[in-house]
């Protein structure tokens, strides 16, 4: 994921919030808060026709040593792009890269 993707990521997150089923959050965080919450490299987007249609990222659950390598995964796919296997592909990438990073 590149910084330029973040606005689209946040729009997709808003769509998830609007469903009332995707998260306990009620508001999309600022770009700064989203960046601080999620691991700096374990964040990926899926694109179709140069448009971000989904994203996946890990948030460390704690800074305590005992929780090192434990993370919460978030995955969101645009409603128009669901059912195409995008989430599965994002999970494959995340699993491979997160294991290299010690998750």
PDB file of N, CA and C in Angstrom:
ATOM      1  N   UNK A   1       0.836  -1.174   0.000  1.00  0.00           N
ATOM      2  CA  UNK A   1       0.000   0.000   0.000  1.00  0.00           C
ATOM      3  C   UNK A   1       0.880   1.235   0.000  1.00  0.00           C
ATOM      4  N   UNK A   2       0.512   2.188  -0.804  1.00  0.00           N
ATOM      5  CA  UNK A   2       1.224   3.453  -0.857  1.00  0.00           C
ATOM      6  C   UNK A   2       0.377   4.540  -0.190  1.00  0.00           C
ATOM      7  N   UNK A   3       1.023   5.607   0.243  1.00  0.00           N
ATOM      8  CA  UNK A   3       0.312   6.704   0.895  1.00  0.00           C
ATOM      9  C   UNK A   3      -0.825   7.237   0.025  1.00  0.00           C
ATOM     10  N   UNK A   4      -0.625   7.241  -1.283  1.00  0.00           N
ATOM     11  CA  UNK A   4      -1.648   7.747  -2.204  1.00  0.00           C
ATOM     12  C   UNK A   4      -2.931   6.918  -2.149  1.00  0.00           C
ATOM     13  N   UNK A   5      -2.847   5.696  -1.653  1.00  0.00           N
ATOM     14  CA  UNK A   5      -4.010   4.807  -1.575  1.00  0.00           C
ATOM     15  C   UNK A   5      -4.887   5.076  -0.356  1.00  0.00           C
ATOM     16  N   UNK A   6      -4.363   5.823   0.613  1.00  0.00           N
ATOM     17  CA  UNK A   6      -5.031   5.923   1.905  1.00  0.00           C
ATOM     18  C   UNK A   6      -6.425   6.549   1.819  1.00  0.00           C
ATOM     19  N   UNK A   7      -6.625   7.547   0.999  1.00  0.00           N
ATOM     20  CA  UNK A   7      -7.962   8.143   0.892  1.00  0.00           C
ATOM     21  C   UNK A   7      -8.987   7.120   0.406  1.00  0.00           C
ATOM     22  N   UNK A   8      -8.603   6.304  -0.562  1.00  0.00           N
ATOM     23  CA  UNK A   8      -9.509   5.261  -1.053  1.00  0.00           C
ATOM     24  C   UNK A   8      -9.735   4.189   0.015  1.00  0.00           C
ATOM     25  N   UNK A   9      -8.693   3.842   0.747  1.00  0.00           N
ATOM     26  CA  UNK A   9      -8.822   2.882   1.845  1.00  0.00           C
ATOM     27  C   UNK A   9      -9.837   3.388   2.858  1.00  0.00           C
ATOM     28  N   UNK A  10      -9.757   4.651   3.209  1.00  0.00           N
ATOM     29  CA  UNK A  10     -10.676   5.219   4.190  1.00  0.00           C
ATOM     30  C   UNK A  10     -12.106   5.289   3.657  1.00  0.00           C
ATOM     31  N   UNK A  11     -12.283   5.498   2.370  1.00  0.00           N
ATOM     32  CA  UNK A  11     -13.626   5.475   1.779  1.00  0.00           C
ATOM     33  C   UNK A  11     -14.226   4.068   1.871  1.00  0.00           C
ATOM     34  N   UNK A  12     -13.394   3.066   1.607  1.00  0.00           N
ATOM     35  CA  UNK A  12     -13.863   1.681   1.708  1.00  0.00           C
ATOM     36  C   UNK A  12     -14.191   1.355   3.167  1.00  0.00           C
ATOM     37  N   UNK A  13     -13.390   1.843   4.079  1.00  0.00           N
ATOM     38  CA  UNK A  13     -13.650   1.654   5.505  1.00  0.00           C
ATOM     39  C   UNK A  13     -14.997   2.280   5.882  1.00  0.00           C
ATOM     40  N   UNK A  14     -15.275   3.482   5.375  1.00  0.00           N
ATOM     41  CA  UNK A  14     -16.559   4.135   5.639  1.00  0.00           C
ATOM     42  C   UNK A  14     -17.713   3.284   5.133  1.00  0.00           C
ATOM     43  N   UNK A  15     -17.547   2.718   3.957  1.00  0.00           N
ATOM     44  CA  UNK A  15     -18.593   1.849   3.419  1.00  0.00           C
ATOM     45  C   UNK A  15     -18.837   0.673   4.371  1.00  0.00           C
ATOM     46  N   UNK A  16     -17.775   0.117   4.930  1.00  0.00           N
ATOM     47  CA  UNK A  16     -17.917  -0.969   5.899  1.00  0.00           C
ATOM     48  C   UNK A  16     -18.636  -0.509   7.157  1.00  0.00           C
ATOM     49  N   UNK A  17     -18.283   0.660   7.651  1.00  0.00           N
ATOM     50  CA  UNK A  17     -18.955   1.213   8.837  1.00  0.00           C
ATOM     51  C   UNK A  17     -20.444   1.388   8.558  1.00  0.00           C
ATOM     52  N   UNK A  18     -20.762   1.858   7.369  1.00  0.00           N
ATOM     53  CA  UNK A  18     -22.160   2.105   7.017  1.00  0.00           C
ATOM     54  C   UNK A  18     -23.013   0.841   7.042  1.00  0.00           C
ATOM     55  N   UNK A  19     -22.401  -0.324   6.868  1.00  0.00           N
ATOM     56  CA  UNK A  19     -23.180  -1.570   6.902  1.00  0.00           C
ATOM     57  C   UNK A  19     -23.638  -1.909   8.310  1.00  0.00           C
ATOM     58  N   UNK A  20     -22.936  -1.388   9.317  1.00  0.00           N
ATOM     59  CA  UNK A  20     -23.265  -1.712  10.698  1.00  0.00           C
ATOM     60  C   UNK A  20     -22.812  -3.089  11.123  1.00  0.00           C
ATOM     61  N   UNK A  21     -22.094  -3.805  10.243  1.00  0.00           N
ATOM     62  CA  UNK A  21     -21.664  -5.164  10.546  1.00  0.00           C
ATOM     63  C   UNK A  21     -20.153  -5.362  10.479  1.00  0.00           C
ATOM     64  N   UNK A  22     -19.416  -4.374  10.035  1.00  0.00           N
ATOM     65  CA  UNK A  22     -18.003  -4.577   9.755  1.00  0.00           C
ATOM     66  C   UNK A  22     -17.078  -4.217  10.909  1.00  0.00           C
ATOM     67  N   UNK A  23     -17.522  -3.353  11.809  1.00  0.00           N
ATOM     68  CA  UNK A  23     -16.642  -2.865  12.856  1.00  0.00           C
ATOM     69  C   UNK A  23     -17.479  -2.290  13.987  1.00  0.00           C
ATOM     70  N   UNK A  24     -16.864  -2.147  15.151  1.00  0.00           N
ATOM     71  CA  UNK A  24     -17.524  -1.469  16.259  1.00  0.00           C
ATOM     72  C   UNK A  24     -17.324   0.041  16.166  1.00  0.00           C
ATOM     73  N   UNK A  25     -16.464   0.489  15.260  1.00  0.00           N
ATOM     74  CA  UNK A  25     -16.202   1.915  15.091  1.00  0.00           C
ATOM     75  C   UNK A  25     -17.416   2.583  14.447  1.00  0.00           C
ATOM     76  N   UNK A  26     -17.614   3.849  14.758  1.00  0.00           N
ATOM     77  CA  UNK A  26     -18.719   4.579  14.159  1.00  0.00           C
ATOM     78  C   UNK A  26     -18.239   5.714  13.251  1.00  0.00           C
ATOM     79  N   UNK A  27     -16.942   6.008  13.323  1.00  0.00           N
ATOM     80  CA  UNK A  27     -16.359   7.068  12.502  1.00  0.00           C
ATOM     81  C   UNK A  27     -15.048   6.597  11.889  1.00  0.00           C
ATOM     82  N   UNK A  28     -14.793   7.058  10.682  1.00  0.00           N
ATOM     83  CA  UNK A  28     -13.511   6.778  10.031  1.00  0.00           C
ATOM     84  C   UNK A  28     -12.447   7.630  10.711  1.00  0.00           C
ATOM     85  N   UNK A  29     -11.313   7.029  11.058  1.00  0.00           N
ATOM     86  CA  UNK A  29     -10.251   7.824  11.679  1.00  0.00           C
ATOM     87  C   UNK A  29      -9.580   8.737  10.659  1.00  0.00           C
ATOM     88  N   UNK A  30      -8.827   9.690  11.166  1.00  0.00           N
ATOM     89  CA  UNK A  30      -8.022  10.529  10.280  1.00  0.00           C
ATOM     90  C   UNK A  30      -6.930   9.670   9.646  1.00  0.00           C
ATOM     91  N   UNK A  31      -6.315  10.195   8.614  1.00  0.00           N
ATOM     92  CA  UNK A  31      -5.200   9.477   7.985  1.00  0.00           C
ATOM     93  C   UNK A  31      -4.104   9.205   9.004  1.00  0.00           C
ATOM     94  N   UNK A  32      -3.806  10.183   9.842  1.00  0.00           N
ATOM     95  CA  UNK A  32      -2.750  10.029  10.842  1.00  0.00           C
ATOM     96  C   UNK A  32      -3.083   8.910  11.827  1.00  0.00           C
ATOM     97  N   UNK A  33      -4.292   8.901  12.336  1.00  0.00           N
ATOM     98  CA  UNK A  33      -4.690   7.873  13.301  1.00  0.00           C
ATOM     99  C   UNK A  33      -4.674   6.492  12.641  1.00  0.00           C
ATOM    100  N   UNK A  34      -5.187   6.395  11.403  1.00  0.00           N
ATOM    101  CA  UNK A  34      -5.177   5.102  10.708  1.00  0.00           C
ATOM    102  C   UNK A  34      -3.741   4.605  10.552  1.00  0.00           C
ATOM    103  N   UNK A  35      -2.847   5.492  10.137  1.00  0.00           N
ATOM    104  CA  UNK A  35      -1.440   5.116   9.965  1.00  0.00           C
ATOM    105  C   UNK A  35      -0.806   4.674  11.282  1.00  0.00           C
ATOM    106  N   UNK A  36      -1.122   5.363  12.366  1.00  0.00           N
ATOM    107  CA  UNK A  36      -0.554   5.014  13.670  1.00  0.00           C
ATOM    108  C   UNK A  36      -1.081   3.677  14.170  1.00  0.00           C
ATOM    109  N   UNK A  37      -2.316   3.348  13.852  1.00  0.00           N
ATOM    110  CA  UNK A  37      -2.943   2.127  14.347  1.00  0.00           C
ATOM    111  C   UNK A  37      -2.440   0.870  13.630  1.00  0.00           C
ATOM    112  N   UNK A  38      -2.147   0.988  12.353  1.00  0.00           N
ATOM    113  CA  UNK A  38      -1.793  -0.185  11.544  1.00  0.00           C
ATOM    114  C   UNK A  38      -0.284  -0.318  11.355  1.00  0.00           C
ATOM    115  N   UNK A  39       0.165  -1.554  11.302  1.00  0.00           N
ATOM    116  CA  UNK A  39       1.575  -1.866  11.076  1.00  0.00           C
ATOM    117  C   UNK A  39       2.048  -1.129   9.826  1.00  0.00           C
ATOM    118  N   UNK A  40       3.258  -0.619   9.868  1.00  0.00           N
ATOM    119  CA  UNK A  40       3.735   0.251   8.781  1.00  0.00           C
ATOM    120  C   UNK A  40       3.932  -0.456   7.444  1.00  0.00           C
ATOM    121  N   UNK A  41       4.213  -1.755   7.451  1.00  0.00           N
ATOM    122  CA  UNK A  41       4.435  -2.443   6.179  1.00  0.00           C
ATOM    123  C   UNK A  41       3.407  -3.529   5.894  1.00  0.00           C
ATOM    124  N   UNK A  42       2.688  -3.989   6.891  1.00  0.00           N
ATOM    125  CA  UNK A  42       1.742  -5.086   6.692  1.00  0.00           C
ATOM    126  C   UNK A  42       0.352  -4.527   6.387  1.00  0.00           C
ATOM    127  N   UNK A  43       0.284  -3.854   5.264  1.00  0.00           N
ATOM    128  CA  UNK A  43      -0.947  -3.244   4.754  1.00  0.00           C
ATOM    129  C   UNK A  43      -0.893  -3.331   3.238  1.00  0.00           C
ATOM    130  N   UNK A  44      -1.960  -3.845   2.652  1.00  0.00           N
ATOM    131  CA  UNK A  44      -1.961  -4.103   1.218  1.00  0.00           C
ATOM    132  C   UNK A  44      -3.309  -3.709   0.626  1.00  0.00           C
ATOM    133  N   UNK A  45      -3.298  -3.317  -0.637  1.00  0.00           N
ATOM    134  CA  UNK A  45      -4.540  -2.996  -1.340  1.00  0.00           C
ATOM    135  C   UNK A  45      -4.688  -3.903  -2.549  1.00  0.00           C
ATOM    136  N   UNK A  46      -5.930  -4.074  -2.964  1.00  0.00           N
ATOM    137  CA  UNK A  46      -6.245  -4.755  -4.220  1.00  0.00           C
ATOM    138  C   UNK A  46      -6.783  -3.686  -5.160  1.00  0.00           C
ATOM    139  N   UNK A  47      -6.368  -3.768  -6.402  1.00  0.00           N
ATOM    140  CA  UNK A  47      -6.813  -2.796  -7.398  1.00  0.00           C
ATOM    141  C   UNK A  47      -7.430  -3.497  -8.593  1.00  0.00           C
ATOM    142  N   UNK A  48      -8.434  -2.850  -9.156  1.00  0.00           N
ATOM    143  CA  UNK A  48      -9.018  -3.263 -10.435  1.00  0.00           C
ATOM    144  C   UNK A  48      -9.081  -2.012 -11.301  1.00  0.00           C
ATOM    145  N   UNK A  49      -8.497  -2.079 -12.472  1.00  0.00           N
ATOM    146  CA  UNK A  49      -8.504  -0.943 -13.398  1.00  0.00           C
ATOM    147  C   UNK A  49      -7.973   0.322 -12.715  1.00  0.00           C
ATOM    148  N   UNK A  50      -6.854   0.163 -11.986  1.00  0.00           N
ATOM    149  CA  UNK A  50      -6.182   1.262 -11.285  1.00  0.00           C
ATOM    150  C   UNK A  50      -7.036   1.915 -10.198  1.00  0.00           C
ATOM    151  N   UNK A  51      -8.019   1.198  -9.689  1.00  0.00           N
ATOM    152  CA  UNK A  51      -8.868   1.693  -8.610  1.00  0.00           C
ATOM    153  C   UNK A  51      -8.759   0.741  -7.424  1.00  0.00           C
ATOM    154  N   UNK A  52      -8.549   1.292  -6.227  1.00  0.00           N
ATOM    155  CA  UNK A  52      -8.485   0.466  -5.018  1.00  0.00           C
ATOM    156  C   UNK A  52      -9.884  -0.064  -4.736  1.00  0.00           C
ATOM    157  N   UNK A  53      -9.992  -1.403  -4.645  1.00  0.00           N
ATOM    158  CA  UNK A  53     -11.290  -2.038  -4.397  1.00  0.00           C
ATOM    159  C   UNK A  53     -11.315  -2.809  -3.083  1.00  0.00           C
ATOM    160  N   UNK A  54     -10.168  -2.884  -2.415  1.00  0.00           N
ATOM    161  CA  UNK A  54     -10.117  -3.578  -1.136  1.00  0.00           C
ATOM    162  C   UNK A  54      -8.782  -3.366  -0.465  1.00  0.00           C
ATOM    163  N   UNK A  55      -8.770  -3.649   0.839  1.00  0.00           N
ATOM    164  CA  UNK A  55      -7.524  -3.508   1.593  1.00  0.00           C
ATOM    165  C   UNK A  55      -7.507  -4.488   2.757  1.00  0.00           C
ATOM    166  N   UNK A  56      -6.279  -4.752   3.236  1.00  0.00           N
ATOM    167  CA  UNK A  56      -6.066  -5.603   4.394  1.00  0.00           C
ATOM    168  C   UNK A  56      -4.870  -5.045   5.159  1.00  0.00           C
ATOM    169  N   UNK A  57      -4.937  -5.132   6.483  1.00  0.00           N
ATOM    170  CA  UNK A  57      -3.844  -4.612   7.309  1.00  0.00           C
ATOM    171  C   UNK A  57      -3.871  -5.297   8.668  1.00  0.00           C
ATOM    172  N   UNK A  58      -2.723  -5.260   9.337  1.00  0.00           N
ATOM    173  CA  UNK A  58      -2.597  -5.778  10.700  1.00  0.00           C
ATOM    174  C   UNK A  58      -2.377  -4.617  11.649  1.00  0.00           C
ATOM    175  N   UNK A  59      -3.063  -4.696  12.790  1.00  0.00           N
ATOM    176  CA  UNK A  59      -2.839  -3.762  13.898  1.00  0.00           C
ATOM    177  C   UNK A  59      -2.282  -4.577  15.060  1.00  0.00           C
ATOM    178  N   UNK A  60      -1.102  -4.241  15.569  1.00  0.00           N
ATOM    179  CA  UNK A  60      -0.609  -4.935  16.760  1.00  0.00           C
ATOM    180  C   UNK A  60      -1.617  -4.767  17.898  1.00  0.00           C
ATOM    181  N   UNK A  61      -1.858  -5.839  18.663  1.00  0.00           N
ATOM    182  CA  UNK A  61      -2.859  -5.756  19.725  1.00  0.00           C
ATOM    183  C   UNK A  61      -2.326  -5.082  20.984  1.00  0.00           C
ATOM    184  N   UNK A  62      -1.008  -5.063  21.145  1.00  0.00           N
ATOM    185  CA  UNK A  62      -0.417  -4.474  22.343  1.00  0.00           C
ATOM    186  C   UNK A  62       1.062  -4.211  22.099  1.00  0.00           C
ATOM    187  N   UNK A  63       1.620  -3.303  22.880  1.00  0.00           N
ATOM    188  CA  UNK A  63       3.061  -3.068  22.830  1.00  0.00           C
ATOM    189  C   UNK A  63       3.788  -3.929  23.859  1.00  0.00           C
ATOM    190  N   UNK A  64       3.045  -4.643  24.694  1.00  0.00           N
ATOM    191  CA  UNK A  64       3.663  -5.508  25.701  1.00  0.00           C
ATOM    192  C   UNK A  64       4.389  -6.669  25.022  1.00  0.00           C
ATOM    193  N   UNK A  65       5.548  -7.004  25.523  1.00  0.00           N
ATOM    194  CA  UNK A  65       6.381  -8.056  24.944  1.00  0.00           C
ATOM    195  C   UNK A  65       5.636  -9.380  24.824  1.00  0.00           C
ATOM    196  N   UNK A  66       4.821  -9.704  25.809  1.00  0.00           N
ATOM    197  CA  UNK A  66       4.103 -10.976  25.796  1.00  0.00           C
ATOM    198  C   UNK A  66       3.179 -11.101  24.579  1.00  0.00           C
ATOM    199  N   UNK A  67       2.760  -9.960  24.011  1.00  0.00           N
ATOM    200  CA  UNK A  67       1.894  -9.969  22.837  1.00  0.00           C
ATOM    201  C   UNK A  67       2.646  -9.735  21.534  1.00  0.00           C
ATOM    202  N   UNK A  68       3.953  -9.782  21.576  1.00  0.00           N
ATOM    203  CA  UNK A  68       4.745  -9.597  20.369  1.00  0.00           C
ATOM    204  C   UNK A  68       4.323 -10.621  19.315  1.00  0.00           C
ATOM    205  N   UNK A  69       4.049 -10.157  18.121  1.00  0.00           N
ATOM    206  CA  UNK A  69       3.650 -11.056  17.045  1.00  0.00           C
ATOM    207  C   UNK A  69       2.167 -11.354  16.990  1.00  0.00           C
ATOM    208  N   UNK A  70       1.384 -10.732  17.866  1.00  0.00           N
ATOM    209  CA  UNK A  70      -0.060 -10.924  17.847  1.00  0.00           C
ATOM    210  C   UNK A  70      -0.694  -9.679  17.251  1.00  0.00           C
ATOM    211  N   UNK A  71      -1.535  -9.873  16.269  1.00  0.00           N
ATOM    212  CA  UNK A  71      -2.159  -8.729  15.623  1.00  0.00           C
ATOM    213  C   UNK A  71      -3.618  -8.968  15.305  1.00  0.00           C
ATOM    214  N   UNK A  72      -4.316  -7.889  15.083  1.00  0.00           N
ATOM    215  CA  UNK A  72      -5.715  -7.924  14.650  1.00  0.00           C
ATOM    216  C   UNK A  72      -5.738  -7.612  13.165  1.00  0.00           C
ATOM    217  N   UNK A  73      -6.411  -8.444  12.405  1.00  0.00           N
ATOM    218  CA  UNK A  73      -6.479  -8.262  10.956  1.00  0.00           C
ATOM    219  C   UNK A  73      -7.773  -7.548  10.588  1.00  0.00           C
ATOM    220  N   UNK A  74      -7.650  -6.568   9.725  1.00  0.00           N
ATOM    221  CA  UNK A  74      -8.805  -5.878   9.142  1.00  0.00           C
ATOM    222  C   UNK A  74      -8.767  -6.110   7.645  1.00  0.00           C
ATOM    223  N   UNK A  75      -9.905  -6.458   7.077  1.00  0.00           N
ATOM    224  CA  UNK A  75     -10.012  -6.615   5.624  1.00  0.00           C
ATOM    225  C   UNK A  75     -11.357  -6.047   5.189  1.00  0.00           C
ATOM    226  N   UNK A  76     -11.305  -5.186   4.192  1.00  0.00           N
ATOM    227  CA  UNK A  76     -12.504  -4.526   3.678  1.00  0.00           C
ATOM    228  C   UNK A  76     -12.471  -4.557   2.156  1.00  0.00           C
ATOM    229  N   UNK A  77     -13.606  -4.903   1.569  1.00  0.00           N
ATOM    230  CA  UNK A  77     -13.739  -4.972   0.114  1.00  0.00           C
ATOM    231  C   UNK A  77     -14.951  -4.131  -0.283  1.00  0.00           C
ATOM    232  N   UNK A  78     -14.811  -3.301  -1.317  1.00  0.00           N
ATOM    233  CA  UNK A  78     -15.950  -2.542  -1.823  1.00  0.00           C
ATOM    234  C   UNK A  78     -17.107  -3.488  -2.111  1.00  0.00           C
ATOM    235  N   UNK A  79     -18.317  -3.057  -1.806  1.00  0.00           N
ATOM    236  CA  UNK A  79     -19.479  -3.927  -2.006  1.00  0.00           C
ATOM    237  C   UNK A  79     -19.599  -4.388  -3.459  1.00  0.00           C
ATOM    238  N   UNK A  80     -19.284  -3.525  -4.409  1.00  0.00           N
ATOM    239  CA  UNK A  80     -19.369  -3.887  -5.824  1.00  0.00           C
ATOM    240  C   UNK A  80     -18.317  -4.913  -6.242  1.00  0.00           C
ATOM    241  N   UNK A  81     -17.307  -5.108  -5.403  1.00  0.00           N
ATOM    242  CA  UNK A  81     -16.215  -6.016  -5.753  1.00  0.00           C
ATOM    243  C   UNK A  81     -16.219  -7.294  -4.918  1.00  0.00           C
ATOM    244  N   UNK A  82     -17.192  -7.443  -4.056  1.00  0.00           N
ATOM    245  CA  UNK A  82     -17.247  -8.632  -3.205  1.00  0.00           C
ATOM    246  C   UNK A  82     -17.632  -9.860  -4.019  1.00  0.00           C
ATOM    247  N   UNK A  83     -17.192 -11.025  -3.551  1.00  0.00           N
ATOM    248  CA  UNK A  83     -17.515 -12.280  -4.219  1.00  0.00           C
ATOM    249  C   UNK A  83     -16.598 -12.637  -5.365  1.00  0.00           C
ATOM    250  N   UNK A  84     -15.497 -11.921  -5.499  1.00  0.00           N
ATOM    251  CA  UNK A  84     -14.557 -12.160  -6.603  1.00  0.00           C
ATOM    252  C   UNK A  84     -13.255 -12.808  -6.137  1.00  0.00           C
ATOM    253  N   UNK A  85     -13.165 -13.150  -4.848  1.00  0.00           N
ATOM    254  CA  UNK A  85     -11.945 -13.756  -4.329  1.00  0.00           C
ATOM    255  C   UNK A  85     -10.869 -12.764  -3.953  1.00  0.00           C
ATOM    256  N   UNK A  86     -11.198 -11.486  -3.903  1.00  0.00           N
ATOM    257  CA  UNK A  86     -10.205 -10.450  -3.594  1.00  0.00           C
ATOM    258  C   UNK A  86      -9.689 -10.607  -2.177  1.00  0.00           C
ATOM    259  N   UNK A  87     -10.585 -10.837  -1.229  1.00  0.00           N
ATOM    260  CA  UNK A  87     -10.163 -10.994   0.174  1.00  0.00           C
ATOM    261  C   UNK A  87      -9.219 -12.187   0.327  1.00  0.00           C
ATOM    262  N   UNK A  88      -9.512 -13.267  -0.347  1.00  0.00           N
ATOM    263  CA  UNK A  88      -8.642 -14.450  -0.278  1.00  0.00           C
ATOM    264  C   UNK A  88      -7.237 -14.137  -0.769  1.00  0.00           C
ATOM    265  N   UNK A  89      -7.149 -13.401  -1.856  1.00  0.00           N
ATOM    266  CA  UNK A  89      -5.833 -13.027  -2.395  1.00  0.00           C
ATOM    267  C   UNK A  89      -5.101 -12.098  -1.433  1.00  0.00           C
ATOM    268  N   UNK A  90      -5.831 -11.154  -0.845  1.00  0.00           N
ATOM    269  CA  UNK A  90      -5.203 -10.266   0.130  1.00  0.00           C
ATOM    270  C   UNK A  90      -4.714 -11.045   1.349  1.00  0.00           C
ATOM    271  N   UNK A  91      -5.513 -12.014   1.818  1.00  0.00           N
ATOM    272  CA  UNK A  91      -5.090 -12.832   2.959  1.00  0.00           C
ATOM    273  C   UNK A  91      -3.836 -13.632   2.627  1.00  0.00           C
ATOM    274  N   UNK A  92      -3.743 -14.171   1.420  1.00  0.00           N
ATOM    275  CA  UNK A  92      -2.548 -14.929   1.032  1.00  0.00           C
ATOM    276  C   UNK A  92      -1.297 -14.064   1.156  1.00  0.00           C
ATOM    277  N   UNK A  93      -1.370 -12.853   0.649  1.00  0.00           N
ATOM    278  CA  UNK A  93      -0.227 -11.936   0.724  1.00  0.00           C
ATOM    279  C   UNK A  93       0.077 -11.581   2.170  1.00  0.00           C
ATOM    280  N   UNK A  94      -0.962 -11.241   2.927  1.00  0.00           N
ATOM    281  CA  UNK A  94      -0.762 -10.841   4.318  1.00  0.00           C
ATOM    282  C   UNK A  94      -0.162 -11.969   5.154  1.00  0.00           C
ATOM    283  N   UNK A  95      -0.661 -13.164   4.979  1.00  0.00           N
ATOM    284  CA  UNK A  95      -0.128 -14.298   5.752  1.00  0.00           C
ATOM    285  C   UNK A  95       1.349 -14.492   5.450  1.00  0.00           C
ATOM    286  N   UNK A  96       1.709 -14.510   4.191  1.00  0.00           N
ATOM    287  CA  UNK A  96       3.108 -14.704   3.803  1.00  0.00           C
ATOM    288  C   UNK A  96       3.997 -13.604   4.372  1.00  0.00           C
ATOM    289  N   UNK A  97       3.599 -12.357   4.196  1.00  0.00           N
ATOM    290  CA  UNK A  97       4.429 -11.239   4.654  1.00  0.00           C
ATOM    291  C   UNK A  97       4.433 -11.091   6.166  1.00  0.00           C
ATOM    292  N   UNK A  98       3.300 -11.367   6.816  1.00  0.00           N
ATOM    293  CA  UNK A  98       3.253 -11.223   8.279  1.00  0.00           C
ATOM    294  C   UNK A  98       4.090 -12.292   8.971  1.00  0.00           C
ATOM    295  N   UNK A  99       4.126 -13.483   8.418  1.00  0.00           N
ATOM    296  CA  UNK A  99       4.965 -14.525   9.008  1.00  0.00           C
ATOM    297  C   UNK A  99       6.434 -14.155   8.896  1.00  0.00           C
ATOM    298  N   UNK A 100       6.836 -13.545   7.789  1.00  0.00           N
ATOM    299  CA  UNK A 100       8.221 -13.067   7.653  1.00  0.00           C
ATOM    300  C   UNK A 100       8.535 -12.007   8.701  1.00  0.00           C
ATOM    301  N   UNK A 101       7.500 -11.215   9.079  1.00  0.00           N
ATOM    302  CA  UNK A 101       7.688 -10.126  10.032  1.00  0.00           C
ATOM    303  C   UNK A 101       7.492 -10.565  11.490  1.00  0.00           C
ATOM    304  N   UNK A 102       7.252 -11.860  11.696  1.00  0.00           N
ATOM    305  CA  UNK A 102       7.135 -12.361  13.065  1.00  0.00           C
ATOM    306  C   UNK A 102       5.742 -12.402  13.633  1.00  0.00           C
ATOM    307  N   UNK A 103       4.729 -12.290  12.797  1.00  0.00           N
ATOM    308  CA  UNK A 103       3.339 -12.412  13.272  1.00  0.00           C
ATOM    309  C   UNK A 103       2.857 -13.834  13.067  1.00  0.00           C
TER     310      UNK A 103
END
